[in-house]
N, C-alpha and C. Protein backbone atom coordinates (compact mmCIF):
# COMPACT_ATOMS: atom_id res chain seq x y z
N MET A 1 0.89 -1.23 -0.03
CA MET A 1 0.03 0.00 0.13
C MET A 1 0.84 1.25 -0.18
N GLU A 2 0.77 2.16 -0.88
CA GLU A 2 1.26 3.52 -0.90
C GLU A 2 0.91 4.29 0.20
N SER A 3 1.96 4.88 0.80
CA SER A 3 1.56 5.90 1.88
C SER A 3 1.51 7.36 1.44
N ASN A 4 0.49 8.05 2.03
CA ASN A 4 0.22 9.41 1.50
C ASN A 4 1.32 10.36 2.48
N PRO A 5 1.59 11.18 1.62
CA PRO A 5 2.55 12.15 2.23
C PRO A 5 1.79 13.06 3.32
N ASN A 6 2.74 13.37 4.35
CA ASN A 6 1.96 14.24 5.36
C ASN A 6 1.92 15.70 5.11
N ILE A 7 0.80 16.21 5.55
CA ILE A 7 0.64 17.65 5.06
C ILE A 7 0.49 18.37 6.66
N ALA A 8 1.09 19.55 6.67
CA ALA A 8 1.22 20.25 7.90
C ALA A 8 -0.23 21.11 7.98
N LEU A 9 -1.03 21.20 8.85
CA LEU A 9 -2.24 22.03 8.77
C LEU A 9 -1.80 23.48 8.86
N LYS A 10 -2.62 24.25 7.90
CA LYS A 10 -2.33 25.61 7.63
C LYS A 10 -2.87 26.39 8.88
N ARG A 11 -3.98 25.82 9.44
CA ARG A 11 -4.47 26.67 10.52
C ARG A 11 -5.16 25.77 11.47
N ASP A 12 -5.59 25.93 12.74
CA ASP A 12 -6.24 25.16 13.49
C ASP A 12 -7.66 24.92 12.80
N CYS A 13 -8.18 23.55 12.99
CA CYS A 13 -9.24 23.22 12.40
C CYS A 13 -10.09 22.24 13.29
N GLN A 14 -11.41 22.31 13.34
CA GLN A 14 -12.10 21.46 14.05
C GLN A 14 -12.23 20.01 13.22
N ALA A 15 -12.20 18.78 14.02
CA ALA A 15 -12.24 17.54 13.39
C ALA A 15 -13.07 16.80 14.38
N ILE A 16 -13.53 15.68 13.81
CA ILE A 16 -14.34 14.70 14.61
C ILE A 16 -13.65 13.38 14.39
N GLN A 17 -13.11 12.97 15.75
CA GLN A 17 -12.47 11.59 16.04
C GLN A 17 -13.33 10.54 15.53
N ILE A 18 -12.57 9.68 14.61
CA ILE A 18 -13.27 8.37 14.15
C ILE A 18 -12.80 7.23 15.02
N PRO A 19 -13.47 6.26 15.59
CA PRO A 19 -15.06 6.22 15.43
C PRO A 19 -15.92 6.72 16.61
N SER A 20 -15.18 7.37 17.59
CA SER A 20 -15.91 7.88 18.54
C SER A 20 -16.91 9.30 18.31
N GLY A 21 -16.50 9.81 17.43
CA GLY A 21 -17.52 11.09 17.07
C GLY A 21 -17.17 12.20 17.88
N HIS A 22 -16.17 12.22 18.79
CA HIS A 22 -15.85 13.26 19.70
C HIS A 22 -15.09 14.48 18.94
N VAL A 23 -15.55 15.59 19.23
CA VAL A 23 -15.05 16.82 18.52
C VAL A 23 -13.61 17.17 19.03
N ALA A 24 -12.69 17.33 18.39
CA ALA A 24 -11.33 17.76 18.71
C ALA A 24 -10.66 18.98 17.69
N THR A 25 -9.97 19.79 18.21
CA THR A 25 -9.21 20.81 17.46
C THR A 25 -7.82 20.28 17.05
N LEU A 26 -7.66 20.31 15.75
CA LEU A 26 -6.16 19.88 15.38
C LEU A 26 -5.54 21.33 15.05
N SER A 27 -4.40 21.58 15.85
CA SER A 27 -3.61 22.93 15.73
C SER A 27 -2.89 23.01 14.29
N ALA A 28 -2.62 24.15 14.06
CA ALA A 28 -1.94 24.65 12.71
C ALA A 28 -0.57 24.13 13.10
N GLY A 29 0.09 23.43 11.88
CA GLY A 29 1.20 22.70 12.01
C GLY A 29 1.23 21.17 12.28
N THR A 30 0.13 20.72 12.66
CA THR A 30 -0.22 19.36 12.97
C THR A 30 -0.19 18.65 11.47
N GLU A 31 0.98 17.51 11.69
CA GLU A 31 1.17 16.87 10.39
C GLU A 31 0.14 15.70 10.35
N VAL A 32 -0.61 15.74 9.10
CA VAL A 32 -1.62 14.70 8.87
C VAL A 32 -1.51 14.01 7.73
N ALA A 33 -2.06 12.92 7.55
CA ALA A 33 -1.97 12.11 6.40
C ALA A 33 -3.27 11.86 5.72
N ILE A 34 -3.55 12.26 4.65
CA ILE A 34 -5.05 11.98 4.21
C ILE A 34 -5.39 10.48 3.65
N THR A 35 -6.21 9.86 4.42
CA THR A 35 -6.51 8.62 3.83
C THR A 35 -7.85 8.41 3.13
N GLN A 36 -8.68 9.42 3.04
CA GLN A 36 -10.08 9.41 1.98
C GLN A 36 -10.37 10.76 2.21
N THR A 37 -10.80 11.12 0.68
CA THR A 37 -11.46 12.30 0.49
C THR A 37 -12.90 12.28 0.01
N LEU A 38 -13.78 11.30 0.40
CA LEU A 38 -15.12 11.15 0.01
C LEU A 38 -16.04 11.76 1.03
N GLY A 39 -16.72 12.71 0.79
CA GLY A 39 -17.67 13.47 1.71
C GLY A 39 -17.00 14.15 2.94
N GLY A 40 -15.68 14.63 2.48
CA GLY A 40 -14.80 15.22 3.78
C GLY A 40 -13.50 14.65 3.53
N TYR A 41 -12.68 14.99 4.48
CA TYR A 41 -11.40 14.29 4.47
C TYR A 41 -11.30 13.66 5.66
N THR A 42 -10.78 12.22 5.60
CA THR A 42 -10.30 11.57 6.74
C THR A 42 -9.03 11.65 6.71
N VAL A 43 -8.53 11.82 7.78
CA VAL A 43 -6.93 12.03 7.97
C VAL A 43 -6.54 11.26 9.21
N SER A 44 -5.20 10.78 9.04
CA SER A 44 -4.43 10.19 10.14
C SER A 44 -3.62 11.41 10.79
N ALA A 45 -3.79 11.29 12.07
CA ALA A 45 -2.98 12.42 12.94
C ALA A 45 -2.87 12.05 14.39
N ARG A 46 -1.75 11.98 14.89
CA ARG A 46 -1.52 11.70 16.44
C ARG A 46 -2.06 10.32 16.92
N GLY A 47 -1.77 9.28 15.74
CA GLY A 47 -2.24 7.99 16.22
C GLY A 47 -3.60 7.75 16.08
N ALA A 48 -4.41 8.65 15.44
CA ALA A 48 -5.88 8.25 15.30
C ALA A 48 -6.37 8.92 14.00
N LEU A 49 -7.59 8.56 13.60
CA LEU A 49 -8.27 9.08 12.61
C LEU A 49 -9.11 10.21 12.83
N TYR A 50 -9.40 11.27 11.92
CA TYR A 50 -10.21 12.24 12.24
C TYR A 50 -11.00 12.51 10.91
N ARG A 51 -12.03 13.02 11.07
CA ARG A 51 -12.88 13.68 9.73
C ARG A 51 -12.73 15.21 9.84
N ILE A 52 -12.23 15.77 8.64
CA ILE A 52 -12.21 17.21 8.58
C ILE A 52 -13.27 17.36 7.29
N ALA A 53 -14.18 18.34 7.84
CA ALA A 53 -15.46 18.72 6.97
C ALA A 53 -14.72 19.60 5.77
N PRO A 54 -15.56 19.51 4.64
CA PRO A 54 -15.23 19.90 3.29
C PRO A 54 -14.77 21.53 3.42
N HIS A 55 -15.73 22.34 4.36
CA HIS A 55 -15.62 23.69 4.50
C HIS A 55 -14.25 24.05 5.09
N ASP A 56 -13.46 23.13 5.76
CA ASP A 56 -12.18 23.31 6.31
C ASP A 56 -11.16 22.93 5.38
N ALA A 57 -11.46 22.71 4.19
CA ALA A 57 -10.26 22.35 3.13
C ALA A 57 -9.16 23.17 3.22
N ASP A 58 -9.31 24.38 3.30
CA ASP A 58 -8.18 25.31 3.28
C ASP A 58 -7.31 25.14 4.49
N ALA A 59 -7.55 24.48 5.58
CA ALA A 59 -6.74 24.10 6.49
C ALA A 59 -5.65 23.14 6.04
N LEU A 60 -6.13 22.30 4.97
CA LEU A 60 -5.24 21.21 4.47
C LEU A 60 -4.50 21.84 3.16
N GLY A 61 -4.77 23.14 2.98
CA GLY A 61 -4.05 23.60 1.72
C GLY A 61 -4.74 23.58 0.50
N PHE A 62 -6.05 23.21 0.57
CA PHE A 62 -7.07 23.01 -0.68
C PHE A 62 -8.02 24.23 -0.61
N ASP A 63 -8.57 24.46 -1.82
CA ASP A 63 -9.54 25.43 -2.10
C ASP A 63 -10.87 24.85 -1.31
N LYS A 64 -11.51 25.77 -0.64
CA LYS A 64 -12.83 25.33 -0.09
C LYS A 64 -13.71 25.26 -1.17
N PRO A 65 -14.55 24.16 -1.01
CA PRO A 65 -15.61 23.91 -2.01
C PRO A 65 -16.62 25.11 -2.13
N ALA A 66 -17.16 25.53 -3.29
CA ALA A 66 -18.19 26.54 -3.53
C ALA A 66 -19.44 26.13 -2.76
N ALA A 67 -20.15 26.89 -2.19
CA ALA A 67 -21.35 26.47 -1.42
C ALA A 67 -22.43 26.37 -2.71
N PRO A 68 -23.12 25.26 -2.18
CA PRO A 68 -24.03 24.86 -3.47
C PRO A 68 -25.10 25.96 -3.52
N ALA A 69 -25.44 26.05 -4.81
CA ALA A 69 -26.48 27.06 -4.85
C ALA A 69 -27.81 26.44 -4.83
N LYS A 70 -28.55 27.11 -3.96
CA LYS A 70 -30.00 26.26 -3.82
C LYS A 70 -30.93 27.00 -4.79
N ALA A 71 -31.35 26.27 -5.73
CA ALA A 71 -32.07 26.91 -6.74
C ALA A 71 -33.59 27.22 -6.19
N ALA A 72 -34.00 28.37 -6.75
CA ALA A 72 -35.58 28.68 -6.33
C ALA A 72 -36.46 27.55 -6.75
N SER A 73 -37.27 27.31 -5.77
CA SER A 73 -38.45 26.39 -6.06
C SER A 73 -39.69 26.93 -6.49
N GLY A 74 -39.93 26.80 -7.80
CA GLY A 74 -41.25 27.48 -8.19
C GLY A 74 -42.26 26.53 -9.02
N GLY A 75 -43.41 26.42 -8.85
CA GLY A 75 -44.41 25.68 -9.60
C GLY A 75 -44.35 24.20 -9.22
N ALA A 76 -44.96 23.23 -9.56
CA ALA A 76 -44.98 21.87 -9.24
C ALA A 76 -43.68 21.10 -9.68
N VAL A 77 -43.44 20.25 -8.72
CA VAL A 77 -42.31 19.41 -9.10
C VAL A 77 -42.57 17.92 -9.20
N ASP A 78 -42.10 17.39 -10.15
CA ASP A 78 -42.29 16.19 -10.68
C ASP A 78 -41.88 15.17 -9.34
N LYS A 79 -42.66 14.48 -8.59
CA LYS A 79 -42.19 13.67 -7.49
C LYS A 79 -41.09 12.55 -7.98
N LYS A 80 -41.22 11.94 -8.98
CA LYS A 80 -40.09 10.89 -9.27
C LYS A 80 -38.87 11.64 -9.53
N VAL A 81 -38.80 12.94 -10.10
CA VAL A 81 -37.65 13.69 -10.47
C VAL A 81 -36.94 14.12 -8.89
N PHE A 82 -37.83 14.78 -8.14
CA PHE A 82 -37.53 15.28 -6.84
C PHE A 82 -36.87 14.05 -5.97
N GLU A 83 -37.66 12.76 -5.99
CA GLU A 83 -37.07 11.65 -5.23
C GLU A 83 -35.70 11.37 -5.66
N GLN A 84 -35.44 11.10 -7.07
CA GLN A 84 -34.33 10.87 -7.54
C GLN A 84 -33.05 12.02 -7.03
N GLN A 85 -33.68 13.30 -6.96
CA GLN A 85 -32.49 14.40 -6.37
C GLN A 85 -32.24 13.92 -5.04
N VAL A 86 -33.12 13.50 -4.36
CA VAL A 86 -32.97 13.23 -2.87
C VAL A 86 -32.01 12.01 -2.80
N TRP A 87 -32.02 11.02 -3.39
CA TRP A 87 -31.28 9.75 -3.53
C TRP A 87 -29.90 10.29 -3.93
N ASP A 88 -29.84 11.13 -5.02
CA ASP A 88 -28.54 11.54 -5.47
C ASP A 88 -27.74 12.28 -4.35
N ALA A 89 -28.56 13.12 -3.61
CA ALA A 89 -27.99 13.99 -2.47
C ALA A 89 -27.36 12.80 -1.33
N LEU A 90 -28.19 11.91 -1.11
CA LEU A 90 -27.88 11.04 -0.17
C LEU A 90 -26.54 10.18 -0.64
N LYS A 91 -26.44 9.95 -1.88
CA LYS A 91 -25.27 9.40 -2.48
C LYS A 91 -23.95 10.03 -2.35
N ASN A 92 -24.17 11.23 -1.89
CA ASN A 92 -22.94 12.09 -1.61
C ASN A 92 -22.47 12.09 -0.10
N CYS A 93 -22.96 11.23 0.58
CA CYS A 93 -22.83 11.17 2.03
C CYS A 93 -21.97 9.81 2.29
N TYR A 94 -20.82 9.93 2.91
CA TYR A 94 -19.94 8.69 3.23
C TYR A 94 -19.67 8.53 4.52
N ASP A 95 -19.59 7.16 4.95
CA ASP A 95 -18.97 6.88 6.15
C ASP A 95 -17.48 7.30 6.25
N PRO A 96 -16.91 8.10 6.98
CA PRO A 96 -15.35 8.58 6.80
C PRO A 96 -14.39 7.26 6.88
N GLU A 97 -14.84 6.06 7.22
CA GLU A 97 -13.94 4.86 7.03
C GLU A 97 -14.32 3.99 6.10
N ILE A 98 -15.23 4.19 5.33
CA ILE A 98 -15.44 3.10 4.00
C ILE A 98 -15.74 4.02 2.91
N PRO A 99 -15.14 3.73 1.94
CA PRO A 99 -15.06 4.49 0.52
C PRO A 99 -16.38 4.04 -0.25
N VAL A 100 -17.40 4.17 0.45
CA VAL A 100 -18.84 3.67 -0.28
C VAL A 100 -19.73 4.69 0.22
N ASN A 101 -20.67 5.36 -0.58
CA ASN A 101 -21.71 6.16 -0.17
C ASN A 101 -22.72 5.31 0.88
N ILE A 102 -23.57 6.11 1.52
CA ILE A 102 -24.36 5.32 2.49
C ILE A 102 -25.45 4.59 1.92
N VAL A 103 -25.96 5.23 0.54
CA VAL A 103 -27.02 4.45 0.09
C VAL A 103 -26.46 3.12 -0.49
N ASP A 104 -25.24 3.14 -1.15
CA ASP A 104 -24.80 1.63 -1.70
C ASP A 104 -24.23 0.94 -0.64
N LEU A 105 -24.14 1.55 0.67
CA LEU A 105 -23.60 0.59 1.84
C LEU A 105 -24.97 -0.05 2.43
N GLY A 106 -26.24 0.45 1.97
CA GLY A 106 -27.46 -0.28 2.31
C GLY A 106 -27.60 0.36 3.57
N LEU A 107 -27.34 1.66 4.05
CA LEU A 107 -27.64 2.11 5.13
C LEU A 107 -28.95 3.00 5.40
N ILE A 108 -29.61 3.16 4.13
CA ILE A 108 -30.91 3.80 3.79
C ILE A 108 -31.91 2.89 3.98
N TYR A 109 -32.78 2.80 5.03
CA TYR A 109 -33.97 1.90 5.17
C TYR A 109 -35.22 2.57 4.53
N ASP A 110 -35.27 3.84 4.63
CA ASP A 110 -36.58 4.53 4.18
C ASP A 110 -36.33 5.83 3.93
N MET A 111 -37.08 6.22 2.91
CA MET A 111 -36.90 7.66 2.38
C MET A 111 -38.48 8.09 2.09
N ARG A 112 -38.80 9.17 2.56
CA ARG A 112 -40.34 9.60 2.31
C ARG A 112 -40.37 11.18 2.04
N THR A 113 -41.07 11.77 1.22
CA THR A 113 -41.33 13.06 0.98
C THR A 113 -42.70 13.49 0.97
N ALA A 114 -43.05 14.58 1.64
CA ALA A 114 -44.33 15.05 1.70
C ALA A 114 -44.47 16.61 1.66
N PRO A 115 -45.63 16.97 1.27
CA PRO A 115 -45.74 18.52 1.39
C PRO A 115 -45.39 19.06 2.46
N ALA A 116 -44.69 20.39 2.45
CA ALA A 116 -44.27 21.15 3.67
C ALA A 116 -45.16 22.39 3.75
N PRO A 117 -45.47 23.08 4.93
CA PRO A 117 -46.50 23.93 5.06
C PRO A 117 -46.21 25.32 4.23
N GLN A 118 -44.89 25.56 3.97
CA GLN A 118 -44.83 26.57 2.87
C GLN A 118 -44.73 26.55 1.57
N GLY A 119 -45.13 25.48 1.11
CA GLY A 119 -45.43 24.84 -0.26
C GLY A 119 -44.23 24.15 -0.94
N GLY A 120 -43.05 24.01 0.07
CA GLY A 120 -41.90 23.15 -0.55
C GLY A 120 -42.18 21.55 -0.08
N ARG A 121 -41.21 20.86 0.21
CA ARG A 121 -41.33 19.50 0.60
C ARG A 121 -40.45 19.19 1.74
N ARG A 122 -40.84 18.30 2.58
CA ARG A 122 -40.23 17.58 3.70
C ARG A 122 -39.74 16.38 3.01
N VAL A 123 -38.54 16.00 3.93
CA VAL A 123 -37.66 14.70 3.45
C VAL A 123 -37.59 14.02 4.81
N ASP A 124 -37.99 12.60 4.97
CA ASP A 124 -37.83 11.93 6.22
C ASP A 124 -37.21 10.61 5.89
N VAL A 125 -35.94 10.54 6.46
CA VAL A 125 -35.11 9.52 6.18
C VAL A 125 -34.81 8.57 7.42
N LYS A 126 -35.00 7.37 7.14
CA LYS A 126 -34.51 6.26 8.30
C LYS A 126 -33.07 5.81 7.70
N MET A 127 -32.32 5.85 8.61
CA MET A 127 -30.92 4.95 8.22
C MET A 127 -30.33 4.40 9.38
N THR A 128 -29.37 3.45 9.16
CA THR A 128 -28.78 2.65 10.22
C THR A 128 -27.15 2.86 9.92
N LEU A 129 -26.59 2.17 10.70
CA LEU A 129 -24.89 2.10 10.75
C LEU A 129 -24.44 0.79 10.58
N THR A 130 -23.24 0.53 10.19
CA THR A 130 -22.57 -0.70 9.90
C THR A 130 -22.47 -1.28 11.38
N ALA A 131 -22.37 -0.53 12.57
CA ALA A 131 -21.97 -1.14 13.96
C ALA A 131 -22.82 -0.15 14.88
N ARG A 132 -23.54 -0.65 15.93
CA ARG A 132 -24.23 0.09 16.68
C ARG A 132 -23.56 0.86 17.50
N GLY A 133 -22.21 0.66 18.07
CA GLY A 133 -21.61 1.42 18.77
C GLY A 133 -20.61 2.54 17.89
N CYS A 134 -20.87 2.76 16.89
CA CYS A 134 -20.12 3.77 16.03
C CYS A 134 -20.55 5.23 16.49
N GLY A 135 -19.74 5.99 17.04
CA GLY A 135 -19.90 7.19 17.27
C GLY A 135 -20.21 8.41 16.15
N MET A 136 -19.81 7.96 15.06
CA MET A 136 -19.94 8.78 13.84
C MET A 136 -21.49 8.71 13.48
N GLY A 137 -22.50 8.02 13.82
CA GLY A 137 -23.70 7.99 13.61
C GLY A 137 -24.41 9.49 13.54
N PRO A 138 -24.22 10.27 14.62
CA PRO A 138 -24.83 11.61 14.64
C PRO A 138 -24.23 12.57 13.44
N VAL A 139 -22.83 12.30 13.27
CA VAL A 139 -22.09 13.06 12.33
C VAL A 139 -22.70 12.86 10.72
N ILE A 140 -22.75 11.53 10.52
CA ILE A 140 -23.12 11.04 9.14
C ILE A 140 -24.80 11.25 8.92
N ALA A 141 -25.60 11.37 10.04
CA ALA A 141 -26.98 11.63 9.96
C ALA A 141 -27.01 13.25 9.71
N ALA A 142 -26.29 13.95 10.25
CA ALA A 142 -26.21 15.72 10.22
C ALA A 142 -25.62 15.83 8.75
N ASP A 143 -24.71 15.05 8.27
CA ASP A 143 -24.32 15.45 7.03
C ASP A 143 -25.17 14.95 5.93
N ALA A 144 -25.99 13.96 6.11
CA ALA A 144 -27.24 13.52 5.19
C ALA A 144 -28.23 14.84 5.05
N ARG A 145 -28.61 15.21 6.52
CA ARG A 145 -29.52 16.17 6.79
C ARG A 145 -29.15 17.23 5.86
N GLN A 146 -27.89 18.01 6.09
CA GLN A 146 -27.48 19.19 5.51
C GLN A 146 -27.61 19.08 3.92
N LYS A 147 -27.18 17.94 3.53
CA LYS A 147 -27.24 17.72 1.99
C LYS A 147 -28.70 17.75 1.39
N LEU A 148 -29.65 17.19 2.16
CA LEU A 148 -31.19 17.23 1.86
C LEU A 148 -31.61 18.61 1.82
N LEU A 149 -31.17 19.21 3.19
CA LEU A 149 -31.64 20.95 3.10
C LEU A 149 -31.15 21.70 1.97
N GLY A 150 -30.25 21.22 1.31
CA GLY A 150 -29.54 21.89 0.08
C GLY A 150 -30.32 21.78 -1.02
N LEU A 151 -31.10 21.11 -1.03
CA LEU A 151 -31.91 20.70 -2.19
C LEU A 151 -33.00 21.92 -2.53
N ALA A 152 -33.19 22.10 -3.67
CA ALA A 152 -34.35 23.18 -4.05
C ALA A 152 -35.51 22.55 -3.71
N GLY A 153 -36.35 23.34 -2.90
CA GLY A 153 -37.69 23.04 -2.64
C GLY A 153 -37.66 22.16 -1.34
N VAL A 154 -36.65 21.85 -0.60
CA VAL A 154 -36.69 21.34 0.57
C VAL A 154 -36.90 22.27 1.88
N GLU A 155 -38.00 22.23 2.60
CA GLU A 155 -38.18 23.15 3.68
C GLU A 155 -37.58 22.48 4.97
N ASP A 156 -37.73 21.01 5.18
CA ASP A 156 -37.47 20.54 6.25
C ASP A 156 -36.87 19.09 6.10
N ALA A 157 -35.98 18.56 6.65
CA ALA A 157 -35.49 17.30 6.47
C ALA A 157 -35.29 16.54 7.79
N THR A 158 -35.55 15.57 8.21
CA THR A 158 -34.96 14.77 9.41
C THR A 158 -34.30 13.57 8.85
N VAL A 159 -33.29 13.00 9.73
CA VAL A 159 -32.51 11.73 9.46
C VAL A 159 -32.70 11.11 10.58
N GLU A 160 -33.28 10.03 10.86
CA GLU A 160 -33.20 9.22 12.18
C GLU A 160 -32.41 7.87 12.04
N VAL A 161 -31.58 7.76 12.99
CA VAL A 161 -30.79 6.52 12.92
C VAL A 161 -31.53 5.43 13.64
N VAL A 162 -31.84 4.24 12.93
CA VAL A 162 -32.82 3.20 13.51
C VAL A 162 -31.62 1.88 13.64
N TRP A 163 -32.15 0.80 14.17
CA TRP A 163 -31.28 -0.33 14.20
C TRP A 163 -31.99 -1.52 13.85
N ASP A 164 -33.29 -1.52 13.52
CA ASP A 164 -34.02 -2.80 12.96
C ASP A 164 -34.47 -2.51 11.60
N PRO A 165 -34.11 -3.38 10.75
CA PRO A 165 -33.42 -4.65 10.98
C PRO A 165 -31.80 -4.31 11.29
N PRO A 166 -31.05 -5.08 11.81
CA PRO A 166 -29.63 -4.86 12.06
C PRO A 166 -28.88 -4.83 10.66
N TRP A 167 -28.00 -4.05 10.29
CA TRP A 167 -27.31 -4.10 9.00
C TRP A 167 -26.48 -5.24 8.78
N ASN A 168 -26.19 -5.72 7.63
CA ASN A 168 -25.16 -6.86 7.58
C ASN A 168 -24.75 -6.42 5.95
N PRO A 169 -23.56 -7.16 5.59
CA PRO A 169 -22.92 -6.88 4.53
C PRO A 169 -23.73 -7.21 3.15
N SER A 170 -24.80 -8.27 3.41
CA SER A 170 -25.68 -8.37 2.21
C SER A 170 -26.34 -7.34 1.69
N MET A 171 -26.48 -6.29 2.68
CA MET A 171 -27.24 -5.18 2.12
C MET A 171 -26.72 -4.07 1.23
N ILE A 172 -25.12 -4.28 1.07
CA ILE A 172 -24.61 -3.39 0.19
C ILE A 172 -24.99 -3.95 -1.43
N SER A 173 -25.02 -2.76 -2.03
CA SER A 173 -25.37 -2.87 -3.36
C SER A 173 -24.58 -3.38 -4.24
N PRO A 174 -24.75 -3.85 -5.37
CA PRO A 174 -23.45 -4.55 -6.32
C PRO A 174 -22.62 -3.66 -6.56
N GLU A 175 -22.89 -2.25 -6.81
CA GLU A 175 -21.87 -1.27 -7.00
C GLU A 175 -21.10 -1.07 -5.86
N GLY A 176 -21.50 -0.89 -4.64
CA GLY A 176 -20.85 -0.98 -3.45
C GLY A 176 -19.79 -2.15 -3.28
N LYS A 177 -20.42 -3.46 -3.67
CA LYS A 177 -19.44 -4.39 -3.45
C LYS A 177 -18.37 -4.40 -4.29
N LYS A 178 -18.57 -3.94 -5.55
CA LYS A 178 -17.59 -3.82 -6.37
C LYS A 178 -16.41 -2.93 -5.96
N ARG A 179 -17.03 -1.69 -5.55
CA ARG A 179 -15.95 -0.74 -4.86
C ARG A 179 -15.34 -1.31 -3.74
N LEU A 180 -15.65 -2.25 -2.91
CA LEU A 180 -15.13 -2.70 -1.87
C LEU A 180 -14.21 -4.16 -2.08
N GLY A 181 -14.22 -4.45 -3.41
CA GLY A 181 -13.52 -5.61 -3.72
C GLY A 181 -14.22 -6.96 -3.39
N MET A 182 -15.61 -6.95 -3.11
CA MET A 182 -16.47 -7.91 -2.72
C MET A 182 -17.15 -8.78 -3.77
N ALA A 183 -17.00 -8.12 -5.32
CA ALA A 183 -17.96 -8.79 -6.18
C ALA A 183 -16.92 -9.33 -7.29
């Protein structure tokens, strides 16, 4: 396996320790090695793994991603098109330890949309995690919720972590299995 070169953080930045989910501050000058860049940055530092959010990319010396433009919602929205946009948004969320999105990992158990009071849509998602003790659950759920709230026409979104049925590897999609070398 090829090792990643270390990068010295350009500034202090907030990070979330994996898998505990504890918030930490990594100081400017801390040496980190990037292990994954899906849905944020997973880095190894001080003998532990951390997730650095995309909006802190500049601490790693990268350009910050542009804020997604939330298009105005006007008129009727085709339900099938809207639901596909919701699924696509969820496919942009990743467990920071696994290079497969939460949809292809089989973590999304239910997704429903409904009209919201102001004329937009409400999105409710039930998801699980690969392990019950994973401290990253609230982080992954919050990331999914933020991605949903960024969609045009979404007034509100909830992402609930559930445990029934228990997740198992057979729930991974064929694409996810291929990505993980299981197919």
